[in-house]
Protein backbone atom coordinates (compact mmCIF):
# COMPACT_ATOMS: atom_id res chain seq x y z
CA MET A 1 9.02 12.66 9.06
CA ARG A 2 7.41 12.05 5.79
CA VAL A 3 5.76 8.80 4.93
CA THR A 4 5.11 8.37 1.24
CA ILE A 5 2.94 5.37 -0.03
CA ALA A 6 4.73 4.49 -3.27
CA GLY A 7 2.72 1.50 -3.75
CA SER A 8 -0.81 1.10 -2.54
CA GLY A 9 -2.20 -1.42 -4.60
CA ASP A 10 -2.91 -5.24 -4.54
CA ALA A 11 -0.84 -7.97 -6.26
CA PHE A 12 -2.61 -7.45 -9.60
CA GLY A 13 -1.98 -3.91 -10.32
CA SER A 14 -5.57 -3.29 -9.90
CA GLY A 15 -6.57 0.39 -10.91
CA GLY A 16 -2.90 0.77 -12.53
CA ARG A 17 -1.63 0.81 -8.96
CA PHE A 18 1.91 -0.32 -7.97
CA GLN A 19 2.26 -3.06 -5.42
CA ALA A 20 2.83 -2.59 -1.64
CA CYS A 21 5.79 -0.23 -0.73
CA THR A 22 5.84 2.40 1.82
CA HIS A 23 8.73 4.92 2.15
CA ILE A 24 9.40 6.57 5.58
CA ALA A 25 11.99 9.35 5.74
CA PRO A 26 12.56 10.44 8.94
CA SER A 27 14.12 13.82 9.81
CA HIS A 28 17.17 12.54 11.35
CA ALA A 29 17.63 8.89 10.26
CA PRO A 30 18.18 7.04 7.08
CA ALA A 31 15.11 5.89 4.81
CA ILE A 32 13.11 2.88 5.59
CA LEU A 33 10.66 0.74 3.44
CA ILE A 34 7.74 -1.17 4.72
CA ASP A 35 7.20 -3.95 2.29
CA CYS A 36 9.00 -4.03 -1.17
CA GLY A 37 6.75 -5.50 -3.75
CA THR A 38 8.09 -6.46 -7.18
CA THR A 39 7.24 -2.92 -8.73
CA SER A 40 8.81 -1.07 -5.99
CA LEU A 41 11.83 0.28 -7.72
CA THR A 42 9.68 1.82 -10.55
CA ALA A 43 7.30 3.14 -7.79
CA LEU A 44 10.19 4.67 -5.97
CA ARG A 45 11.86 6.32 -9.04
CA SER A 46 8.50 7.40 -10.42
CA LEU A 47 8.33 9.67 -7.17
CA ASP A 48 11.98 10.72 -7.16
CA LEU A 49 12.69 8.52 -4.15
CA ASP A 50 16.36 6.96 -4.35
CA PRO A 51 16.35 3.24 -3.72
CA GLY A 52 19.96 3.80 -2.81
CA GLU A 53 19.00 5.77 0.18
CA VAL A 54 17.06 3.02 1.57
CA THR A 55 18.89 1.28 4.28
CA LEU A 56 16.30 -0.91 6.01
CA VAL A 57 13.44 -2.71 4.83
CA ALA A 58 10.78 -4.30 6.91
CA VAL A 59 8.67 -6.98 5.33
CA THR A 60 5.17 -8.00 6.59
CA HIS A 61 5.13 -11.26 4.67
CA LEU A 62 6.56 -13.36 1.92
CA HIS A 63 4.29 -12.82 -0.82
CA GLY A 64 5.86 -11.39 -4.02
CA ASP A 65 3.62 -8.06 -3.95
CA HIS A 66 5.11 -7.34 -0.70
CA PHE A 67 8.68 -9.05 -0.71
CA GLY A 68 9.42 -9.63 -4.49
CA GLY A 69 11.32 -6.27 -5.03
CA LEU A 70 14.19 -7.10 -2.65
CA PRO A 71 16.16 -9.13 -5.16
CA PHE A 72 15.98 -5.98 -7.53
CA LEU A 73 16.89 -3.64 -4.55
CA VAL A 74 19.96 -5.60 -3.65
CA LEU A 75 21.05 -5.88 -7.21
CA ASP A 76 20.27 -2.06 -8.09
CA GLY A 77 22.69 -1.31 -5.06
CA GLN A 78 25.33 -3.70 -6.63
CA PHE A 79 25.37 -2.10 -10.27
CA ARG A 80 25.21 1.50 -8.90
CA ARG A 81 28.10 0.61 -6.41
CA ARG A 82 26.34 1.14 -3.30
CA THR A 83 28.49 0.93 -0.13
CA THR A 84 25.90 1.45 2.52
CA ASP A 85 24.78 -1.86 4.16
CA LEU A 86 21.19 -2.86 3.74
CA ARG A 87 19.26 -4.14 6.45
CA ILE A 88 16.25 -6.61 5.71
CA ILE A 89 13.81 -7.34 8.68
CA GLY A 90 11.02 -10.02 7.96
CA PRO A 91 9.17 -13.07 9.24
CA PRO A 92 10.80 -16.41 9.93
CA GLY A 93 11.82 -17.87 6.55
CA THR A 94 12.77 -14.63 4.92
CA ARG A 95 16.57 -15.21 4.87
CA ARG A 96 16.00 -18.66 2.96
CA ARG A 97 13.20 -17.05 0.64
CA LEU A 98 15.30 -14.24 -0.20
CA THR A 99 18.40 -16.65 -1.37
CA GLU A 100 15.90 -18.82 -3.44
CA THR A 101 14.24 -15.86 -4.99
CA MET A 102 17.32 -14.23 -5.94
CA GLU A 103 18.38 -17.56 -7.50
CA ALA A 104 15.28 -18.06 -9.15
CA LEU A 105 15.32 -14.53 -10.84
CA PHE A 106 19.09 -13.97 -11.45
CA PRO A 107 21.05 -17.58 -10.84
CA GLY A 108 24.19 -16.83 -9.34
CA SER A 109 23.20 -13.45 -7.68
CA SER A 110 23.03 -14.77 -4.23
CA THR A 111 26.40 -15.26 -3.58
CA VAL A 112 28.09 -12.52 -5.56
CA THR A 113 30.55 -10.29 -3.42
CA ARG A 114 29.21 -6.62 -2.99
CA ARG A 115 30.63 -3.73 -1.73
CA PHE A 116 27.79 -3.71 0.92
CA THR A 117 26.51 -6.19 3.08
CA THR A 118 22.89 -7.54 3.23
CA VAL A 119 22.12 -8.34 6.79
CA VAL A 120 18.81 -10.15 7.17
CA ASP A 121 16.89 -10.50 10.70
CA GLU A 122 13.79 -12.52 11.39
CA ILE A 123 11.11 -11.58 13.71
CA ALA A 124 8.33 -13.67 14.77
CA PRO A 125 4.84 -12.86 15.82
CA ASP A 126 4.68 -11.47 19.34
CA GLU A 127 8.56 -10.55 19.14
CA THR A 128 10.15 -7.14 19.33
CA LEU A 129 13.29 -5.79 17.79
CA SER A 130 15.06 -2.54 18.28
CA VAL A 131 17.44 -1.07 15.58
CA PRO A 132 19.55 1.65 17.36
CA SER A 133 21.00 2.85 14.02
CA HIS A 134 17.71 4.17 13.14
CA GLY A 135 16.23 5.03 16.32
CA LEU A 136 13.57 2.33 15.53
CA HIS A 137 11.73 -0.15 17.74
CA ILE A 138 9.25 -2.61 15.75
CA GLU A 139 6.75 -4.81 17.41
CA ALA A 140 5.38 -7.86 15.37
CA HIS A 141 1.91 -9.20 15.84
CA PRO A 142 0.30 -12.14 14.22
CA ALA A 143 -1.79 -11.48 11.02
CA ASP A 144 -4.38 -13.73 9.63
CA HIS A 145 -2.97 -14.43 6.09
CA SER A 146 -1.38 -17.62 4.48
CA ALA A 147 2.00 -16.78 2.90
CA GLY A 148 4.05 -20.10 3.47
CA ALA A 149 5.66 -18.50 6.47
CA PRO A 150 4.14 -16.29 9.35
CA ALA A 151 2.50 -13.09 8.25
CA LEU A 152 3.00 -10.02 10.57
CA SER A 153 1.21 -6.77 11.35
CA LEU A 154 3.95 -4.22 12.37
CA ARG A 155 3.95 -1.55 14.80
CA LEU A 156 7.18 0.98 14.40
CA THR A 157 8.19 3.50 16.76
CA LEU A 158 10.82 6.10 15.95
CA ALA A 159 11.20 9.81 16.68
CA ASN A 160 8.70 9.39 19.46
CA ARG A 161 6.04 8.55 16.75
CA THR A 162 4.20 5.45 16.12
CA LEU A 163 3.29 4.09 12.61
CA ALA A 164 1.23 0.70 12.26
CA PHE A 165 0.76 -1.36 9.41
CA SER A 166 -1.89 -4.08 9.12
CA GLY A 167 0.01 -5.75 6.12
CA ASP A 168 -2.51 -8.50 4.63
CA THR A 169 -4.95 -9.82 7.08
CA ALA A 170 -8.38 -10.69 7.75
CA TRP A 171 -9.68 -8.85 10.98
CA THR A 172 -7.82 -10.02 14.11
CA PRO A 173 -8.45 -9.08 17.69
CA THR A 174 -4.66 -8.06 17.71
CA LEU A 175 -5.32 -4.75 15.38
CA PRO A 176 -6.60 -2.53 17.97
CA GLU A 177 -3.45 -3.07 19.82
CA VAL A 178 -1.24 -2.47 16.55
CA ALA A 179 -2.99 0.77 16.06
CA ALA A 180 -3.42 2.03 19.42
CA ASP A 181 -2.26 5.51 19.67
CA SER A 182 -0.54 5.45 16.47
CA ASP A 183 0.03 8.67 14.44
CA LEU A 184 -0.77 6.65 11.17
CA PHE A 185 -2.34 3.43 10.77
CA LEU A 186 -2.01 1.78 7.05
CA CYS A 187 -4.44 -0.80 6.96
CA GLU A 188 -5.75 -3.18 4.24
CA GLY A 189 -9.17 -2.55 2.57
CA TYR A 190 -9.28 -5.30 0.04
CA THR A 191 -13.06 -6.11 -0.26
CA TRP A 192 -16.24 -4.42 0.68
CA GLY A 193 -19.05 -6.77 0.89
CA ARG A 194 -17.24 -9.83 -0.18
CA LYS A 195 -15.24 -12.06 2.17
CA VAL A 196 -11.85 -13.39 0.94
CA PRO A 197 -9.84 -15.65 3.24
CA GLY A 198 -6.97 -13.81 4.85
CA HIS A 199 -7.89 -10.42 3.60
CA MET A 200 -9.67 -7.33 5.11
CA GLU A 201 -13.23 -6.85 4.27
CA VAL A 202 -14.16 -3.14 4.81
CA THR A 203 -17.07 -3.67 6.81
CA ASP A 204 -15.16 -5.41 9.57
CA LEU A 205 -13.18 -2.29 9.93
CA VAL A 206 -16.62 -0.23 10.04
CA ASN A 207 -17.78 -2.62 12.84
CA ASN A 208 -14.64 -2.30 14.63
CA ARG A 209 -13.85 1.30 14.03
CA GLU A 210 -14.01 2.61 17.50
CA THR A 211 -11.48 0.11 18.69
CA LEU A 212 -8.79 1.53 16.55
CA ASN A 213 -7.20 4.37 18.25
CA THR A 214 -5.08 6.20 15.61
CA THR A 215 -4.67 9.69 14.28
CA ARG A 216 -5.23 8.80 10.84
CA LEU A 217 -6.30 5.62 9.14
CA LEU A 218 -5.49 5.04 5.41
CA LEU A 219 -6.80 1.98 3.38
CA THR A 220 -4.43 0.27 0.99
CA HIS A 221 -4.52 -2.71 -1.29
CA PRO A 222 -7.94 -2.51 -2.58
CA SER A 223 -9.47 -4.77 -5.24
CA PRO A 224 -11.29 -3.60 -8.12
CA GLY A 225 -14.54 -3.82 -6.29
CA VAL A 226 -13.35 -1.40 -3.51
CA LEU A 227 -11.92 0.93 -6.30
CA ASP A 228 -15.16 1.05 -7.82
CA GLN A 229 -16.95 2.22 -4.86
CA GLN A 230 -14.21 4.64 -3.74
CA ALA A 231 -16.50 7.56 -3.80
CA THR A 232 -18.71 6.09 -1.00
CA LEU A 233 -15.87 4.31 1.03
CA PRO A 234 -16.18 4.81 5.06
CA PHE A 235 -12.52 5.42 5.06
CA GLU A 236 -9.93 7.42 3.40
CA LEU A 237 -8.10 5.39 0.59
CA ALA A 238 -4.40 5.92 -0.18
CA SER A 239 -3.01 6.28 -3.60
CA ASP A 240 0.27 5.82 -5.17
CA GLY A 241 2.15 8.87 -4.02
CA THR A 242 -0.15 9.90 -1.18
CA THR A 243 2.14 11.53 1.52
CA VAL A 244 1.68 12.15 5.27
CA ASP A 245 3.96 14.52 7.02
CA ILE A 246 4.15 13.68 10.55
CA PRO A 247 5.97 16.36 13.18
CA ASP A 248 8.59 15.25 15.38
CA SER A 249 7.57 14.88 18.85
CA PRO A 250 9.81 15.70 21.79
CA PRO A 251 10.97 13.06 23.99
CA PRO A 252 8.81 12.42 27.15
CA PRO A 253 10.06 14.07 30.27
CA ASP A 254 12.31 12.07 32.63
CA GLY A 255 10.53 10.53 35.68
């Protein structure tokens, strides 16, 4: 599968980066997004990734820089005559928040009849969800981030590979479980040397690095302070357009 970080930035476009949006293209399954910030359609199209091919979006939390692109994704499908259903998976409150956001941005848009169905599933911290149509299994873990609804760190298994996403969060004891034996861990690295409630400080990752068992760790969501120090960061920093190719893994032997 190919993982493309379409948007690697914070909420405020620091460094000219797009907001959170990760595109996953498995070799034998439809495309998936993890988070869909308000700038996501522009980010995807700048990389020649077709939003119309996305059939599932998993959202870590309900702040605009992770969630606000969903109304535009739905309406883009409507005006481009999309016929493939769109599935959205997010924390409790996602269904109501999506309706409210669509009505705030485009009054009347939440009740329009379309050629496709938008299905919203909600997953709470410490719950799991399987999506057979995508060969996908999702584990939701509690994140330390205030968003008016529970925030999640997500662990995805598909094609016998595991991808982990911290979402926005301060360090929590659950993150080693999220990252365990993952092929890729996208982790917030918002500040370095400065604590901000609900966000990751890079020093906490340094202090806990030995507990994070992952093949590759990429920082995302950097503040201006982290961008100013990126040449000396102790971890690799993702950029808009960073791609990671993960080879398919054979299924485990029976028995």
